[in-house]
C-alpha cells in the first residue's frame, strides 16, 4: 500500500480539523501518517487534537509562517511521499492515491498538484498553472510574466509549480532541492521551491481528478499573535519574497529589475496615489528585504554555478509552461 506523510499547518482552524482528519484518514489505497503543526492556536485546536490518536501534533510560532511550519513537520515524517496542506481543507477519497500515481523519479516527475474547489465544492479556484505574457505584472518576480491558475489542462500535463497550500512531493526531490526557505512567511514559497526544482531538472504535473476543497482566505482573515492582521503581514512579506526570488536566482539585470519591481515600484505608485496605508506596508517590505539581504546574497554566491547554467528568470520564460 502507498504510504504518505501528510504535513498540515493549523492556525485557529478547529472548525476545519474534524473534516480534514476524517477525509485524510479515509483515503483509498493509501496509508496516511498525519502530522499537524499548530501555530499558536487559541481556539481550542490543541485540546481537540489531544483526543485524536491518528494525528501527531507539534508546535511552531505563528510569526515564522507557513514554510517554517511545513519544515518542522517534515522533520518528523516517516514516509517518502510528502503531502503538504493547510488546515482549512478536505479531500476527495482518491486524492492522494491519484497524486501518488504520477510520481515517477525515472522520468524526473517528482511532484503532483491537485485541483482545488471552494470548501462547498461550488467553484473551481485552482486548476492547471500556466505563465502568460504581461506588460507589467506586480505579483511576479519577473514582472513580464503573470500566472494563470485556472487553465484547463489534461491530467499529467507539466506545470511550473504547484499550489503551496496542497501538493505531493517525493522526499528525494525535496531534499535534493534544499527544502522550504523558512524565511518566507507567506506567498511565493512554492515558486521559490520550484525554481530550484526546475534548475535541477525536476518536473511537476497537474492532476485534475485529485480533488481538494479549500476554505480560501480563512487564514488571511485572522490576526497574527503579533497583533497585526495576517493580510498586512502577507502583503509586506509577499512583496519581500518576490524580491528574494529575484536576488537568489536571477542574473544581474533581471535581478535588479525584479527586486525593484517587487518592493520599490509599489511604494512609488502608492505614494503618488496618496495611499498612505499601503506606503507603510511597502516600506515594511523594503525593511524586511534589507534584513534578509545578507542571507539572500550568500545563497546567491553559494549557488552561482547553477544560477549561471540556468538563470532563474528563464524559469518564467520556459516555453513548455506558457499559455
C-alpha atoms as a PDB file:
ATOM      1  CA  UNK A   1       0.000   0.000   0.000  1.00  0.00           C
ATOM      2  CA  UNK A   2       1.174   3.514  -0.814  1.00  0.00           C
ATOM      3  CA  UNK A   3       2.343   5.389   2.277  1.00  0.00           C
ATOM      4  CA  UNK A   4       2.092   9.177   2.548  1.00  0.00           C
ATOM      5  CA  UNK A   5       3.201  11.527   5.302  1.00  0.00           C
ATOM      6  CA  UNK A   6       0.681  14.370   5.469  1.00  0.00           C
ATOM      7  CA  UNK A   7       2.028  17.588   6.968  1.00  0.00           C
ATOM      8  CA  UNK A   8      -0.669  20.141   7.746  1.00  0.00           C
ATOM      9  CA  UNK A   9      -0.272  23.509   9.441  1.00  0.00           C
ATOM     10  CA  UNK A  10      -3.008  24.858  11.709  1.00  0.00           C
ATOM     11  CA  UNK A  11      -3.770  28.348  12.985  1.00  0.00           C
ATOM     12  CA  UNK A  12      -7.094  28.536  14.824  1.00  0.00           C
ATOM     13  CA  UNK A  13      -8.646  26.027  12.454  1.00  0.00           C
ATOM     14  CA  UNK A  14     -10.538  23.914  14.987  1.00  0.00           C
ATOM     15  CA  UNK A  15     -13.769  24.088  12.989  1.00  0.00           C
ATOM     16  CA  UNK A  16     -11.978  22.619   9.956  1.00  0.00           C
ATOM     17  CA  UNK A  17      -9.922  19.929  11.686  1.00  0.00           C
ATOM     18  CA  UNK A  18     -12.568  17.176  12.002  1.00  0.00           C
ATOM     19  CA  UNK A  19     -13.237  17.082   8.261  1.00  0.00           C
ATOM     20  CA  UNK A  20      -9.546  17.463   7.408  1.00  0.00           C
ATOM     21  CA  UNK A  21      -8.577  14.467   9.561  1.00  0.00           C
ATOM     22  CA  UNK A  22     -11.600  12.362   8.607  1.00  0.00           C
ATOM     23  CA  UNK A  23     -11.013  12.723   4.865  1.00  0.00           C
ATOM     24  CA  UNK A  24      -7.273  12.106   5.219  1.00  0.00           C
ATOM     25  CA  UNK A  25      -7.907   9.042   7.352  1.00  0.00           C
ATOM     26  CA  UNK A  26     -10.317   7.630   4.749  1.00  0.00           C
ATOM     27  CA  UNK A  27      -8.067   7.898   1.683  1.00  0.00           C
ATOM     28  CA  UNK A  28      -8.467   4.896  -0.621  1.00  0.00           C
ATOM     29  CA  UNK A  29      -5.382   2.784  -1.255  1.00  0.00           C
ATOM     30  CA  UNK A  30      -3.161   4.992   0.907  1.00  0.00           C
ATOM     31  CA  UNK A  31      -1.807   4.670   4.423  1.00  0.00           C
ATOM     32  CA  UNK A  32      -1.526   8.162   5.859  1.00  0.00           C
ATOM     33  CA  UNK A  33       0.700   9.435   8.626  1.00  0.00           C
ATOM     34  CA  UNK A  34      -0.944  12.677   9.791  1.00  0.00           C
ATOM     35  CA  UNK A  35       1.316  15.364  11.255  1.00  0.00           C
ATOM     36  CA  UNK A  36      -0.229  18.643  12.371  1.00  0.00           C
ATOM     37  CA  UNK A  37       1.940  21.659  13.142  1.00  0.00           C
ATOM     38  CA  UNK A  38      -0.064  24.027  15.309  1.00  0.00           C
ATOM     39  CA  UNK A  39       0.950  27.678  15.136  1.00  0.00           C
ATOM     40  CA  UNK A  40      -0.121  29.088  18.497  1.00  0.00           C
ATOM     41  CA  UNK A  41      -3.852  28.459  18.111  1.00  0.00           C
ATOM     42  CA  UNK A  42      -6.143  29.943  20.750  1.00  0.00           C
ATOM     43  CA  UNK A  43      -9.453  28.443  19.617  1.00  0.00           C
ATOM     44  CA  UNK A  44      -9.233  25.053  21.350  1.00  0.00           C
ATOM     45  CA  UNK A  45      -7.444  23.337  18.460  1.00  0.00           C
ATOM     46  CA  UNK A  46      -4.800  21.764  20.702  1.00  0.00           C
ATOM     47  CA  UNK A  47      -7.402  20.451  23.117  1.00  0.00           C
ATOM     48  CA  UNK A  48      -9.320  18.909  20.215  1.00  0.00           C
ATOM     49  CA  UNK A  49      -6.209  17.386  18.660  1.00  0.00           C
ATOM     50  CA  UNK A  50      -5.204  15.843  22.006  1.00  0.00           C
ATOM     51  CA  UNK A  51      -8.154  13.485  21.582  1.00  0.00           C
ATOM     52  CA  UNK A  52      -7.243  12.411  18.037  1.00  0.00           C
ATOM     53  CA  UNK A  53      -4.794   9.480  18.261  1.00  0.00           C
ATOM     54  CA  UNK A  54      -4.212   9.288  14.490  1.00  0.00           C
ATOM     55  CA  UNK A  55      -2.718  12.800  14.439  1.00  0.00           C
ATOM     56  CA  UNK A  56       0.749  13.668  15.771  1.00  0.00           C
ATOM     57  CA  UNK A  57       0.939  17.313  16.855  1.00  0.00           C
ATOM     58  CA  UNK A  58       3.891  19.711  17.073  1.00  0.00           C
ATOM     59  CA  UNK A  59       4.047  23.438  17.750  1.00  0.00           C
ATOM     60  CA  UNK A  60       5.643  26.294  15.823  1.00  0.00           C
ATOM     61  CA  UNK A  61       5.392  30.068  16.461  1.00  0.00           C
ATOM     62  CA  UNK A  62       2.811  31.615  14.139  1.00  0.00           C
ATOM     63  CA  UNK A  63       5.105  34.515  13.319  1.00  0.00           C
ATOM     64  CA  UNK A  64       7.508  32.195  11.468  1.00  0.00           C
ATOM     65  CA  UNK A  65       4.980  31.416   8.754  1.00  0.00           C
ATOM     66  CA  UNK A  66       3.717  28.562   6.610  1.00  0.00           C
ATOM     67  CA  UNK A  67       7.031  27.286   5.240  1.00  0.00           C
ATOM     68  CA  UNK A  68       8.583  27.040   8.707  1.00  0.00           C
ATOM     69  CA  UNK A  69       5.592  25.028   9.889  1.00  0.00           C
ATOM     70  CA  UNK A  70       5.894  22.659   6.955  1.00  0.00           C
ATOM     71  CA  UNK A  71       9.640  22.282   7.534  1.00  0.00           C
ATOM     72  CA  UNK A  72       9.121  21.406  11.196  1.00  0.00           C
ATOM     73  CA  UNK A  73       6.513  18.783  10.352  1.00  0.00           C
ATOM     74  CA  UNK A  74       8.790  17.219   7.763  1.00  0.00           C
ATOM     75  CA  UNK A  75      11.422  16.549  10.425  1.00  0.00           C
ATOM     76  CA  UNK A  76       9.008  14.029  11.966  1.00  0.00           C
ATOM     77  CA  UNK A  77       7.717  12.443   8.729  1.00  0.00           C
ATOM     78  CA  UNK A  78       8.415   8.736   8.149  1.00  0.00           C
ATOM     79  CA  UNK A  79       7.462   8.179   4.502  1.00  0.00           C
ATOM     80  CA  UNK A  80       8.992   9.098   1.139  1.00  0.00           C
ATOM     81  CA  UNK A  81       5.823  10.680  -0.243  1.00  0.00           C
ATOM     82  CA  UNK A  82       5.120  14.016   1.435  1.00  0.00           C
ATOM     83  CA  UNK A  83       1.790  15.834   1.184  1.00  0.00           C
ATOM     84  CA  UNK A  84       1.790  19.431   2.423  1.00  0.00           C
ATOM     85  CA  UNK A  85      -1.568  21.086   3.104  1.00  0.00           C
ATOM     86  CA  UNK A  86      -3.426  23.769   5.028  1.00  0.00           C
ATOM     87  CA  UNK A  87      -5.881  23.043   7.826  1.00  0.00           C
ATOM     88  CA  UNK A  88      -8.900  24.576   6.077  1.00  0.00           C
ATOM     89  CA  UNK A  89      -9.251  21.780   3.520  1.00  0.00           C
ATOM     90  CA  UNK A  90     -10.891  18.418   2.935  1.00  0.00           C
ATOM     91  CA  UNK A  91     -10.157  15.823   0.271  1.00  0.00           C
ATOM     92  CA  UNK A  92     -11.814  13.518  -2.197  1.00  0.00           C
ATOM     93  CA  UNK A  93     -11.263   9.904  -1.081  1.00  0.00           C
ATOM     94  CA  UNK A  94      -8.981   9.129  -4.056  1.00  0.00           C
ATOM     95  CA  UNK A  95      -6.984  12.377  -3.914  1.00  0.00           C
ATOM     96  CA  UNK A  96      -3.679  11.112  -2.540  1.00  0.00           C
ATOM     97  CA  UNK A  97      -3.775   7.866  -4.500  1.00  0.00           C
ATOM     98  CA  UNK A  98      -4.210   9.768  -7.767  1.00  0.00           C
ATOM     99  CA  UNK A  99      -1.396  12.167  -6.948  1.00  0.00           C
ATOM    100  CA  UNK A 100       0.972   9.359  -5.949  1.00  0.00           C
ATOM    101  CA  UNK A 101       0.324   7.517  -9.225  1.00  0.00           C
ATOM    102  CA  UNK A 102       2.034  10.348 -11.127  1.00  0.00           C
ATOM    103  CA  UNK A 103       5.307  10.383  -9.176  1.00  0.00           C
ATOM    104  CA  UNK A 104       7.976   8.816 -11.395  1.00  0.00           C
ATOM    105  CA  UNK A 105      11.567   9.569 -10.430  1.00  0.00           C
ATOM    106  CA  UNK A 106      12.950   7.899 -13.558  1.00  0.00           C
ATOM    107  CA  UNK A 107      11.015  10.417 -15.670  1.00  0.00           C
ATOM    108  CA  UNK A 108      12.054  13.227 -13.271  1.00  0.00           C
ATOM    109  CA  UNK A 109       8.429  13.768 -12.204  1.00  0.00           C
ATOM    110  CA  UNK A 110       8.863  14.495  -8.518  1.00  0.00           C
ATOM    111  CA  UNK A 111       5.661  16.289  -7.547  1.00  0.00           C
ATOM    112  CA  UNK A 112       1.954  16.414  -8.340  1.00  0.00           C
ATOM    113  CA  UNK A 113      -0.604  19.183  -7.901  1.00  0.00           C
ATOM    114  CA  UNK A 114      -4.321  18.574  -7.154  1.00  0.00           C
ATOM    115  CA  UNK A 115      -7.119  20.846  -8.327  1.00  0.00           C
ATOM    116  CA  UNK A 116      -8.913  22.924  -5.717  1.00  0.00           C
ATOM    117  CA  UNK A 117     -12.540  23.910  -5.314  1.00  0.00           C
ATOM    118  CA  UNK A 118     -14.178  26.150  -2.744  1.00  0.00           C
ATOM    119  CA  UNK A 119     -14.980  24.397   0.534  1.00  0.00           C
ATOM    120  CA  UNK A 120     -18.587  23.809  -0.537  1.00  0.00           C
ATOM    121  CA  UNK A 121     -17.471  22.467  -3.936  1.00  0.00           C
ATOM    122  CA  UNK A 122     -19.332  25.145  -5.926  1.00  0.00           C
ATOM    123  CA  UNK A 123     -16.410  26.841  -7.669  1.00  0.00           C
ATOM    124  CA  UNK A 124     -13.038  25.802  -9.088  1.00  0.00           C
ATOM    125  CA  UNK A 125     -10.286  28.041  -7.662  1.00  0.00           C
ATOM    126  CA  UNK A 126      -7.046  26.304  -8.665  1.00  0.00           C
ATOM    127  CA  UNK A 127      -6.569  24.146 -11.766  1.00  0.00           C
ATOM    128  CA  UNK A 128      -3.645  23.887 -14.180  1.00  0.00           C
ATOM    129  CA  UNK A 129      -0.959  26.584 -13.954  1.00  0.00           C
ATOM    130  CA  UNK A 130       0.489  28.499 -16.869  1.00  0.00           C
ATOM    131  CA  UNK A 131       2.604  31.620 -17.309  1.00  0.00           C
ATOM    132  CA  UNK A 132       1.278  34.324 -19.612  1.00  0.00           C
ATOM    133  CA  UNK A 133       2.796  37.416 -21.176  1.00  0.00           C
ATOM    134  CA  UNK A 134       2.005  40.690 -19.387  1.00  0.00           C
ATOM    135  CA  UNK A 135       3.252  44.187 -19.995  1.00  0.00           C
ATOM    136  CA  UNK A 136       3.601  44.535 -16.205  1.00  0.00           C
ATOM    137  CA  UNK A 137       2.554  42.057 -13.515  1.00  0.00           C
ATOM    138  CA  UNK A 138       3.365  43.248  -9.985  1.00  0.00           C
ATOM    139  CA  UNK A 139       2.874  39.866  -8.300  1.00  0.00           C
ATOM    140  CA  UNK A 140       5.698  38.076 -10.083  1.00  0.00           C
ATOM    141  CA  UNK A 141       9.451  38.277  -9.552  1.00  0.00           C
ATOM    142  CA  UNK A 142       9.695  38.537 -13.337  1.00  0.00           C
ATOM    143  CA  UNK A 143       7.121  41.281 -13.981  1.00  0.00           C
ATOM    144  CA  UNK A 144       6.623  40.498 -17.690  1.00  0.00           C
ATOM    145  CA  UNK A 145       5.040  37.140 -16.906  1.00  0.00           C
ATOM    146  CA  UNK A 146       1.900  36.616 -14.875  1.00  0.00           C
ATOM    147  CA  UNK A 147       0.290  33.464 -13.516  1.00  0.00           C
ATOM    148  CA  UNK A 148      -2.936  31.867 -14.672  1.00  0.00           C
ATOM    149  CA  UNK A 149      -4.053  29.305 -12.084  1.00  0.00           C
ATOM    150  CA  UNK A 150      -7.236  28.035 -13.749  1.00  0.00           C
ATOM    151  CA  UNK A 151      -6.083  26.635 -17.092  1.00  0.00           C
ATOM    152  CA  UNK A 152      -7.989  23.554 -18.263  1.00  0.00           C
ATOM    153  CA  UNK A 153      -5.003  21.237 -18.658  1.00  0.00           C
ATOM    154  CA  UNK A 154      -5.032  17.468 -19.072  1.00  0.00           C
ATOM    155  CA  UNK A 155      -4.026  15.010 -16.387  1.00  0.00           C
ATOM    156  CA  UNK A 156      -0.267  14.679 -16.230  1.00  0.00           C
ATOM    157  CA  UNK A 157       0.483  17.915 -18.083  1.00  0.00           C
ATOM    158  CA  UNK A 158       3.576  19.730 -16.850  1.00  0.00           C
ATOM    159  CA  UNK A 159       3.172  22.875 -14.752  1.00  0.00           C
ATOM    160  CA  UNK A 160       5.848  25.271 -13.451  1.00  0.00           C
ATOM    161  CA  UNK A 161       4.901  24.883  -9.779  1.00  0.00           C
ATOM    162  CA  UNK A 162       2.059  23.569  -7.595  1.00  0.00           C
ATOM    163  CA  UNK A 163      -0.011  25.452  -5.048  1.00  0.00           C
ATOM    164  CA  UNK A 164       1.900  25.569  -1.762  1.00  0.00           C
ATOM    165  CA  UNK A 165      -1.413  25.063   0.053  1.00  0.00           C
ATOM    166  CA  UNK A 166      -1.734  21.423  -1.066  1.00  0.00           C
ATOM    167  CA  UNK A 167       0.594  19.238  -3.139  1.00  0.00           C
ATOM    168  CA  UNK A 168       2.553  15.983  -3.101  1.00  0.00           C
ATOM    169  CA  UNK A 169       6.332  15.740  -3.476  1.00  0.00           C
ATOM    170  CA  UNK A 170       8.818  12.894  -3.153  1.00  0.00           C
ATOM    171  CA  UNK A 171      11.258  13.208  -0.283  1.00  0.00           C
ATOM    172  CA  UNK A 172      14.295  12.600  -2.534  1.00  0.00           C
ATOM    173  CA  UNK A 173      13.321  15.607  -4.660  1.00  0.00           C
ATOM    174  CA  UNK A 174      12.543  17.783  -1.655  1.00  0.00           C
ATOM    175  CA  UNK A 175      15.932  17.035  -0.127  1.00  0.00           C
ATOM    176  CA  UNK A 176      17.861  17.494  -3.366  1.00  0.00           C
ATOM    177  CA  UNK A 177      16.415  20.948  -3.963  1.00  0.00           C
ATOM    178  CA  UNK A 178      17.064  22.047  -0.378  1.00  0.00           C
ATOM    179  CA  UNK A 179      13.555  22.149   1.052  1.00  0.00           C
ATOM    180  CA  UNK A 180      11.498  25.135   2.110  1.00  0.00           C
ATOM    181  CA  UNK A 181      13.136  28.520   2.563  1.00  0.00           C
ATOM    182  CA  UNK A 182      11.816  29.207   6.054  1.00  0.00           C
ATOM    183  CA  UNK A 183      12.473  32.947   5.731  1.00  0.00           C
ATOM    184  CA  UNK A 184       9.294  33.106   3.598  1.00  0.00           C
ATOM    185  CA  UNK A 185       6.325  33.982   5.836  1.00  0.00           C
ATOM    186  CA  UNK A 186       3.550  33.700   3.237  1.00  0.00           C
ATOM    187  CA  UNK A 187       3.339  33.964  -0.554  1.00  0.00           C
ATOM    188  CA  UNK A 188       5.637  32.615  -3.271  1.00  0.00           C
ATOM    189  CA  UNK A 189       7.268  29.946  -1.114  1.00  0.00           C
ATOM    190  CA  UNK A 190       6.035  27.446  -3.711  1.00  0.00           C
ATOM    191  CA  UNK A 191       7.602  29.409  -6.591  1.00  0.00           C
ATOM    192  CA  UNK A 192      10.879  29.643  -4.677  1.00  0.00           C
ATOM    193  CA  UNK A 193      10.918  25.881  -4.061  1.00  0.00           C
ATOM    194  CA  UNK A 194      10.155  25.029  -7.673  1.00  0.00           C
ATOM    195  CA  UNK A 195      12.633  27.402  -9.270  1.00  0.00           C
ATOM    196  CA  UNK A 196      15.185  25.168  -7.565  1.00  0.00           C
ATOM    197  CA  UNK A 197      13.394  22.042  -8.786  1.00  0.00           C
ATOM    198  CA  UNK A 198      13.394  23.414 -12.350  1.00  0.00           C
ATOM    199  CA  UNK A 199      17.101  24.252 -12.161  1.00  0.00           C
ATOM    200  CA  UNK A 200      17.809  20.615 -11.314  1.00  0.00           C
ATOM    201  CA  UNK A 201      15.524  19.141 -13.965  1.00  0.00           C
ATOM    202  CA  UNK A 202      12.646  18.046 -11.727  1.00  0.00           C
ATOM    203  CA  UNK A 203       9.079  18.317 -13.018  1.00  0.00           C
ATOM    204  CA  UNK A 204       5.636  18.849 -11.527  1.00  0.00           C
ATOM    205  CA  UNK A 205       2.368  17.658 -13.098  1.00  0.00           C
ATOM    206  CA  UNK A 206      -1.241  18.663 -12.682  1.00  0.00           C
ATOM    207  CA  UNK A 207      -3.849  16.076 -11.627  1.00  0.00           C
ATOM    208  CA  UNK A 208      -7.429  17.289 -12.233  1.00  0.00           C
ATOM    209  CA  UNK A 209      -9.084  14.224 -10.697  1.00  0.00           C
ATOM    210  CA  UNK A 210      -7.237  14.678  -7.395  1.00  0.00           C
ATOM    211  CA  UNK A 211      -9.737  16.991  -5.718  1.00  0.00           C
ATOM    212  CA  UNK A 212      -9.214  19.335  -2.770  1.00  0.00           C
ATOM    213  CA  UNK A 213     -11.859  21.578  -1.192  1.00  0.00           C
ATOM    214  CA  UNK A 214     -10.460  24.744   0.374  1.00  0.00           C
ATOM    215  CA  UNK A 215     -11.932  27.494   2.572  1.00  0.00           C
ATOM    216  CA  UNK A 216      -9.946  30.109   0.649  1.00  0.00           C
ATOM    217  CA  UNK A 217      -8.893  33.122   2.732  1.00  0.00           C
ATOM    218  CA  UNK A 218      -9.697  31.666   6.154  1.00  0.00           C
ATOM    219  CA  UNK A 219      -6.151  32.122   7.487  1.00  0.00           C
ATOM    220  CA  UNK A 220      -5.644  35.556   5.952  1.00  0.00           C
ATOM    221  CA  UNK A 221      -8.701  36.909   7.774  1.00  0.00           C
ATOM    222  CA  UNK A 222      -7.163  36.196  11.182  1.00  0.00           C
ATOM    223  CA  UNK A 223      -4.787  38.234  13.310  1.00  0.00           C
ATOM    224  CA  UNK A 224      -1.225  37.094  13.871  1.00  0.00           C
ATOM    225  CA  UNK A 225      -0.118  36.799  17.536  1.00  0.00           C
ATOM    226  CA  UNK A 226       1.915  39.966  16.895  1.00  0.00           C
ATOM    227  CA  UNK A 227      -1.407  41.791  16.749  1.00  0.00           C
ATOM    228  CA  UNK A 228      -1.164  42.653  13.057  1.00  0.00           C
ATOM    229  CA  UNK A 229      -3.749  41.246  10.636  1.00  0.00           C
ATOM    230  CA  UNK A 230      -2.381  38.354   8.598  1.00  0.00           C
ATOM    231  CA  UNK A 231      -3.483  40.236   5.480  1.00  0.00           C
ATOM    232  CA  UNK A 232      -0.945  43.005   6.237  1.00  0.00           C
ATOM    233  CA  UNK A 233       1.843  40.567   7.041  1.00  0.00           C
ATOM    234  CA  UNK A 234       1.002  38.608   3.923  1.00  0.00           C
ATOM    235  CA  UNK A 235       1.240  41.734   1.782  1.00  0.00           C
ATOM    236  CA  UNK A 236       4.579  43.028   3.078  1.00  0.00           C
ATOM    237  CA  UNK A 237       6.119  39.565   3.320  1.00  0.00           C
ATOM    238  CA  UNK A 238       4.831  38.693  -0.138  1.00  0.00           C
ATOM    239  CA  UNK A 239       6.470  41.710  -1.726  1.00  0.00           C
ATOM    240  CA  UNK A 240       9.750  40.932   0.041  1.00  0.00           C
ATOM    241  CA  UNK A 241       9.518  37.313  -1.115  1.00  0.00           C
ATOM    242  CA  UNK A 242       9.232  38.395  -4.751  1.00  0.00           C
ATOM    243  CA  UNK A 243      12.419  40.416  -4.340  1.00  0.00           C
ATOM    244  CA  UNK A 244      14.085  37.458  -2.584  1.00  0.00           C
ATOM    245  CA  UNK A 245      13.434  35.156  -5.555  1.00  0.00           C
ATOM    246  CA  UNK A 246      14.991  37.665  -7.955  1.00  0.00           C
ATOM    247  CA  UNK A 247      18.036  38.135  -5.711  1.00  0.00           C
ATOM    248  CA  UNK A 248      18.558  34.407  -5.175  1.00  0.00           C
ATOM    249  CA  UNK A 249      18.207  33.145  -8.734  1.00  0.00           C
ATOM    250  CA  UNK A 250      18.287  35.826 -11.444  1.00  0.00           C
ATOM    251  CA  UNK A 251      21.223  37.110 -13.453  1.00  0.00           C
ATOM    252  CA  UNK A 252      22.252  40.682 -12.672  1.00  0.00           C
ATOM    253  CA  UNK A 253      19.966  42.928 -14.737  1.00  0.00           C
ATOM    254  CA  UNK A 254      16.811  40.811 -14.255  1.00  0.00           C
ATOM    255  CA  UNK A 255      17.667  40.655 -10.538  1.00  0.00           C
ATOM    256  CA  UNK A 256      17.734  44.459 -10.256  1.00  0.00           C
ATOM    257  CA  UNK A 257      14.540  44.770 -12.302  1.00  0.00           C
ATOM    258  CA  UNK A 258      12.681  42.060 -10.400  1.00  0.00           C
ATOM    259  CA  UNK A 259      13.701  43.228  -6.935  1.00  0.00           C
ATOM    260  CA  UNK A 260      12.949  46.860  -7.780  1.00  0.00           C
ATOM    261  CA  UNK A 261       9.558  45.986  -9.239  1.00  0.00           C
ATOM    262  CA  UNK A 262       8.740  43.965  -6.143  1.00  0.00           C
ATOM    263  CA  UNK A 263       9.480  46.485  -3.411  1.00  0.00           C
ATOM    264  CA  UNK A 264      10.278  49.953  -4.782  1.00  0.00           C
ATOM    265  CA  UNK A 265       7.756  50.309  -7.611  1.00  0.00           C
ATOM    266  CA  UNK A 266       4.699  49.702  -5.361  1.00  0.00           C
ATOM    267  CA  UNK A 267       5.953  52.332  -2.887  1.00  0.00           C
ATOM    268  CA  UNK A 268       6.329  54.894  -5.659  1.00  0.00           C
ATOM    269  CA  UNK A 269       2.896  54.121  -7.109  1.00  0.00           C
ATOM    270  CA  UNK A 270       1.126  54.242  -3.751  1.00  0.00           C
ATOM    271  CA  UNK A 271       2.934  57.461  -2.812  1.00  0.00           C
ATOM    272  CA  UNK A 272       1.726  59.252  -5.940  1.00  0.00           C
ATOM    273  CA  UNK A 273      -1.780  57.859  -5.421  1.00  0.00           C
ATOM    274  CA  UNK A 274      -1.799  59.057  -1.811  1.00  0.00           C
ATOM    275  CA  UNK A 275      -2.424  55.579  -0.403  1.00  0.00           C
ATOM    276  CA  UNK A 276      -0.510  56.120   2.820  1.00  0.00           C
ATOM    277  CA  UNK A 277      -1.510  52.872   4.483  1.00  0.00           C
ATOM    278  CA  UNK A 278      -0.040  50.911   1.585  1.00  0.00           C
ATOM    279  CA  UNK A 279       3.046  53.115   1.628  1.00  0.00           C
ATOM    280  CA  UNK A 280       3.609  51.973   5.204  1.00  0.00           C
ATOM    281  CA  UNK A 281       3.262  48.325   4.169  1.00  0.00           C
ATOM    282  CA  UNK A 282       5.563  48.869   1.181  1.00  0.00           C
ATOM    283  CA  UNK A 283       8.189  50.368   3.466  1.00  0.00           C
ATOM    284  CA  UNK A 284       7.845  47.323   5.737  1.00  0.00           C
ATOM    285  CA  UNK A 285       8.542  45.133   2.697  1.00  0.00           C
ATOM    286  CA  UNK A 286      11.687  47.129   1.916  1.00  0.00           C
ATOM    287  CA  UNK A 287      12.870  46.847   5.514  1.00  0.00           C
ATOM    288  CA  UNK A 288      12.205  43.106   5.561  1.00  0.00           C
ATOM    289  CA  UNK A 289      14.189  42.669   2.344  1.00  0.00           C
ATOM    290  CA  UNK A 290      17.041  44.704   3.820  1.00  0.00           C
ATOM    291  CA  UNK A 291      17.103  42.439   6.902  1.00  0.00           C
ATOM    292  CA  UNK A 292      17.217  39.345   4.704  1.00  0.00           C
ATOM    293  CA  UNK A 293      19.732  40.704   2.203  1.00  0.00           C
ATOM    294  CA  UNK A 294      22.918  39.210   3.660  1.00  0.00           C
ATOM    295  CA  UNK A 295      21.416  35.704   3.701  1.00  0.00           C
ATOM    296  CA  UNK A 296      19.993  36.129   0.195  1.00  0.00           C
ATOM    297  CA  UNK A 297      23.335  37.256  -1.214  1.00  0.00           C
ATOM    298  CA  UNK A 298      25.097  34.361   0.491  1.00  0.00           C
ATOM    299  CA  UNK A 299      22.668  31.937  -1.152  1.00  0.00           C
ATOM    300  CA  UNK A 300      23.315  33.680  -4.466  1.00  0.00           C
ATOM    301  CA  UNK A 301      27.101  33.290  -4.093  1.00  0.00           C
ATOM    302  CA  UNK A 302      26.883  29.681  -2.919  1.00  0.00           C
ATOM    303  CA  UNK A 303      24.748  28.730  -5.930  1.00  0.00           C
ATOM    304  CA  UNK A 304      26.440  30.822  -8.616  1.00  0.00           C
ATOM    305  CA  UNK A 305      27.313  27.854 -10.851  1.00  0.00           C
ATOM    306  CA  UNK A 306      23.732  26.607 -11.008  1.00  0.00           C
ATOM    307  CA  UNK A 307      22.437  30.155 -11.482  1.00  0.00           C
ATOM    308  CA  UNK A 308      24.809  30.752 -14.397  1.00  0.00           C
ATOM    309  CA  UNK A 309      23.837  27.446 -16.025  1.00  0.00           C
ATOM    310  CA  UNK A 310      20.069  28.027 -15.570  1.00  0.00           C
ATOM    311  CA  UNK A 311      19.348  31.640 -14.543  1.00  0.00           C
ATOM    312  CA  UNK A 312      16.114  31.903 -12.643  1.00  0.00           C
ATOM    313  CA  UNK A 313      14.443  34.385 -14.986  1.00  0.00           C
ATOM    314  CA  UNK A 314      14.389  31.609 -17.610  1.00  0.00           C
ATOM    315  CA  UNK A 315      12.022  29.668 -15.341  1.00  0.00           C
ATOM    316  CA  UNK A 316       9.389  32.293 -16.168  1.00  0.00           C
ATOM    317  CA  UNK A 317      10.137  32.027 -19.893  1.00  0.00           C
ATOM    318  CA  UNK A 318      10.182  28.230 -20.247  1.00  0.00           C
ATOM    319  CA  UNK A 319       8.204  27.620 -23.479  1.00  0.00           C
ATOM    320  CA  UNK A 320       6.603  24.451 -22.086  1.00  0.00           C
ATOM    321  CA  UNK A 321       4.928  26.495 -19.341  1.00  0.00           C
ATOM    322  CA  UNK A 322       3.499  29.384 -21.390  1.00  0.00           C
ATOM    323  CA  UNK A 323      -0.209  29.846 -22.001  1.00  0.00           C
END
